[in-house]
Structures are given as structure tokens and as C-alpha cells.
N, C-alpha and C. Protein backbone atom coordinates (compact mmCIF):
# COMPACT_ATOMS: atom_id res chain seq x y z
N UNK A 1 15.42 -4.20 13.20
CA UNK A 1 14.36 -4.41 12.59
C UNK A 1 13.43 -3.05 12.00
N UNK A 2 13.02 -3.03 10.81
CA UNK A 2 12.64 -1.78 10.24
C UNK A 2 11.07 -2.01 10.42
N UNK A 3 10.49 -0.80 10.57
CA UNK A 3 8.84 -0.76 10.56
C UNK A 3 8.41 -0.59 9.28
N UNK A 4 7.15 -1.14 9.20
CA UNK A 4 6.47 -1.03 7.79
C UNK A 4 5.18 -0.43 7.96
N UNK A 5 4.65 0.36 7.13
CA UNK A 5 3.46 0.80 7.16
C UNK A 5 2.47 -0.02 6.45
N UNK A 6 1.22 -0.33 7.50
CA UNK A 6 0.21 -1.20 7.05
C UNK A 6 -1.01 -0.50 7.24
N UNK A 7 -2.24 -0.93 6.53
CA UNK A 7 -3.71 -0.31 6.96
C UNK A 7 -4.18 -1.09 7.93
N UNK A 8 -4.69 -0.64 8.96
CA UNK A 8 -5.21 -1.36 10.01
C UNK A 8 -6.45 -2.08 9.80
N UNK A 9 -6.63 -3.52 10.28
CA UNK A 9 -7.61 -4.14 10.13
C UNK A 9 -8.46 -3.93 11.23
N UNK A 10 -8.07 -3.84 12.40
CA UNK A 10 -8.96 -3.82 13.61
C UNK A 10 -9.45 -2.40 13.99
N UNK A 11 -8.82 -1.49 13.60
CA UNK A 11 -9.07 -0.14 13.96
C UNK A 11 -9.46 0.76 12.68
N UNK A 12 -10.59 0.51 11.95
CA UNK A 12 -10.76 1.24 10.73
C UNK A 12 -11.81 1.93 11.01
N UNK A 13 -12.13 3.13 10.26
CA UNK A 13 -13.49 3.71 9.98
C UNK A 13 -13.96 3.66 8.72
N UNK A 14 -12.80 3.99 7.57
CA UNK A 14 -13.12 3.69 6.24
C UNK A 14 -12.35 2.50 5.65
N UNK A 15 -11.01 2.70 5.65
CA UNK A 15 -10.17 1.65 5.12
C UNK A 15 -9.02 1.52 6.10
N UNK A 16 -8.94 2.10 7.13
CA UNK A 16 -7.71 1.71 7.94
C UNK A 16 -6.27 2.53 7.79
N UNK A 17 -6.46 3.63 6.77
CA UNK A 17 -5.36 4.22 6.48
C UNK A 17 -4.79 5.09 7.62
N UNK A 18 -5.63 5.85 8.49
CA UNK A 18 -5.20 6.75 9.39
C UNK A 18 -4.92 5.87 10.60
N UNK A 19 -5.51 4.90 10.78
CA UNK A 19 -5.17 4.11 12.02
C UNK A 19 -3.78 3.49 11.50
N UNK A 20 -3.54 2.87 10.40
CA UNK A 20 -2.16 2.51 10.16
C UNK A 20 -0.95 3.42 10.28
N UNK A 21 -1.33 4.73 9.99
CA UNK A 21 -0.36 5.66 9.91
C UNK A 21 -0.03 5.84 11.44
N UNK A 22 -1.20 5.97 12.16
CA UNK A 22 -0.83 6.12 13.68
C UNK A 22 -0.21 5.19 14.37
N UNK A 23 -0.37 3.79 13.95
CA UNK A 23 0.40 2.68 14.49
C UNK A 23 1.81 2.83 14.10
N UNK A 24 2.17 3.37 12.93
CA UNK A 24 3.34 3.55 12.63
C UNK A 24 4.02 4.50 13.37
N UNK A 25 3.54 5.59 13.57
CA UNK A 25 4.17 6.68 14.40
C UNK A 25 3.85 6.57 15.86
N UNK A 26 3.28 5.50 16.25
CA UNK A 26 2.98 5.21 17.56
C UNK A 26 2.28 6.41 18.21
N UNK A 27 1.24 6.76 17.91
CA UNK A 27 0.23 7.81 18.40
C UNK A 27 -1.12 7.29 18.19
N UNK A 28 -2.03 8.23 18.62
CA UNK A 28 -3.37 7.97 18.55
C UNK A 28 -4.02 7.98 17.30
N UNK A 29 -4.89 7.18 16.91
CA UNK A 29 -5.58 7.13 15.57
C UNK A 29 -6.32 8.34 15.62
N UNK A 30 -7.07 8.63 16.60
CA UNK A 30 -8.08 9.86 16.45
C UNK A 30 -7.35 11.27 16.07
N UNK A 31 -6.06 11.21 16.56
CA UNK A 31 -5.31 12.47 16.44
C UNK A 31 -4.98 12.62 14.94
N UNK A 32 -4.56 11.57 14.55
CA UNK A 32 -4.24 11.27 13.13
C UNK A 32 -5.57 11.78 12.28
N UNK A 33 -6.57 11.25 12.50
CA UNK A 33 -7.69 11.51 11.81
C UNK A 33 -8.39 12.93 11.96
N UNK A 34 -8.09 13.46 12.99
CA UNK A 34 -8.43 15.09 13.22
C UNK A 34 -7.42 15.70 12.36
N UNK A 35 -6.14 15.45 12.32
CA UNK A 35 -5.17 16.26 11.58
C UNK A 35 -5.60 16.34 10.21
N UNK A 36 -5.68 15.00 9.64
CA UNK A 36 -6.12 14.68 8.26
C UNK A 36 -7.22 15.46 7.87
N UNK A 37 -8.36 15.29 8.47
CA UNK A 37 -9.93 15.86 8.30
C UNK A 37 -9.34 17.60 8.35
N UNK A 38 -8.74 18.17 9.17
CA UNK A 38 -8.23 19.79 9.29
C UNK A 38 -7.61 20.04 8.06
N UNK A 39 -6.44 19.36 7.73
CA UNK A 39 -5.73 19.59 6.38
C UNK A 39 -6.63 19.53 5.16
N UNK A 40 -7.41 18.51 4.91
CA UNK A 40 -8.40 18.29 3.84
C UNK A 40 -9.34 19.47 3.83
N UNK A 41 -9.98 19.78 4.89
CA UNK A 41 -11.20 20.94 4.79
C UNK A 41 -10.54 22.19 4.57
N UNK A 42 -9.32 22.47 5.34
CA UNK A 42 -8.67 23.97 5.26
C UNK A 42 -7.82 24.02 4.36
N UNK A 43 -7.24 23.02 3.69
CA UNK A 43 -6.28 23.02 2.61
C UNK A 43 -6.89 23.64 1.12
N UNK A 44 -6.14 23.82 0.43
CA UNK A 44 -6.55 24.26 -0.85
C UNK A 44 -7.25 23.59 -1.74
N UNK A 45 -7.10 22.04 -1.52
CA UNK A 45 -7.73 21.36 -2.45
C UNK A 45 -8.18 20.22 -1.92
N UNK A 46 -9.78 20.22 -1.67
CA UNK A 46 -10.41 19.32 -0.85
C UNK A 46 -10.24 17.84 -1.62
N UNK A 47 -10.79 17.89 -2.81
CA UNK A 47 -10.73 16.81 -3.74
C UNK A 47 -9.46 16.10 -3.75
N UNK A 48 -8.32 16.93 -3.85
CA UNK A 48 -7.08 16.45 -3.57
C UNK A 48 -6.78 15.51 -2.34
N UNK A 49 -7.20 15.88 -1.18
CA UNK A 49 -7.17 15.39 0.12
C UNK A 49 -7.77 14.11 0.04
N UNK A 50 -9.08 14.08 -0.42
CA UNK A 50 -9.95 12.78 -0.61
C UNK A 50 -9.13 11.78 -1.45
N UNK A 51 -8.65 12.21 -2.67
CA UNK A 51 -8.13 11.49 -3.62
C UNK A 51 -6.85 10.90 -3.14
N UNK A 52 -6.11 11.58 -2.41
CA UNK A 52 -4.99 11.10 -1.28
C UNK A 52 -5.34 9.99 -0.53
N UNK A 53 -6.26 9.93 -0.02
CA UNK A 53 -6.84 8.97 1.01
C UNK A 53 -7.17 7.74 0.12
N UNK A 54 -7.71 7.93 -0.87
CA UNK A 54 -8.15 6.50 -1.59
C UNK A 54 -7.04 6.14 -2.32
N UNK A 55 -5.95 6.62 -2.84
CA UNK A 55 -4.74 6.38 -3.33
C UNK A 55 -4.07 5.48 -2.22
N UNK A 56 -3.95 6.09 -1.00
CA UNK A 56 -3.37 5.45 0.04
C UNK A 56 -3.91 4.08 0.54
N UNK A 57 -5.23 3.97 0.44
CA UNK A 57 -6.09 2.84 0.56
C UNK A 57 -5.77 1.78 -0.18
N UNK A 58 -5.52 2.32 -1.60
CA UNK A 58 -5.03 1.37 -2.63
C UNK A 58 -3.72 0.87 -2.69
N UNK A 59 -2.57 1.59 -2.27
CA UNK A 59 -1.39 1.31 -2.27
C UNK A 59 -0.80 0.56 -1.13
N UNK A 60 -1.27 1.20 -0.04
CA UNK A 60 -0.71 0.67 1.41
C UNK A 60 -1.46 -0.78 1.59
N UNK A 61 -0.57 -1.82 1.84
CA UNK A 61 -1.06 -3.09 2.00
C UNK A 61 -1.79 -3.28 3.33
N UNK A 62 -2.66 -4.17 3.45
CA UNK A 62 -3.25 -4.35 4.62
C UNK A 62 -2.57 -5.15 5.55
N UNK A 63 -2.74 -5.10 6.90
CA UNK A 63 -1.90 -5.89 7.79
C UNK A 63 -2.39 -7.43 7.87
């Protein structure tokens, strides 16, 4: 049985992308959120990180 990536419906802050990724990798959603924020803020393209999040929210189906 293969795992599929879905946006979380029950554990969402904005659209459930980070919680869905956390469920996929079987880890804590808060850890994924902190990693995402750290990469977005300290990365070279803040707009790119925000755009990537909303693209994922549009592309990844809801569970």
C-alpha cells in the first residue's frame, strides 16, 4: 500500500499543507511548520516560500 500526500482537514492553521506533510512523514506538524518558517525567513526568497506554500495548497488534494 502506497502512502499519499493530502492536506489535513483536522489539523490546519492556514490550509493544512504542513500538517499533511507531517502526516506523510509520520512526524509532528509543529516541527514541519517551524522548519518551513525557518527556511522561508532565512532563505534567499521569502516571496518564493510563500508562493510555494500557496501552490502546494492549490495542488495537494484535501483528505
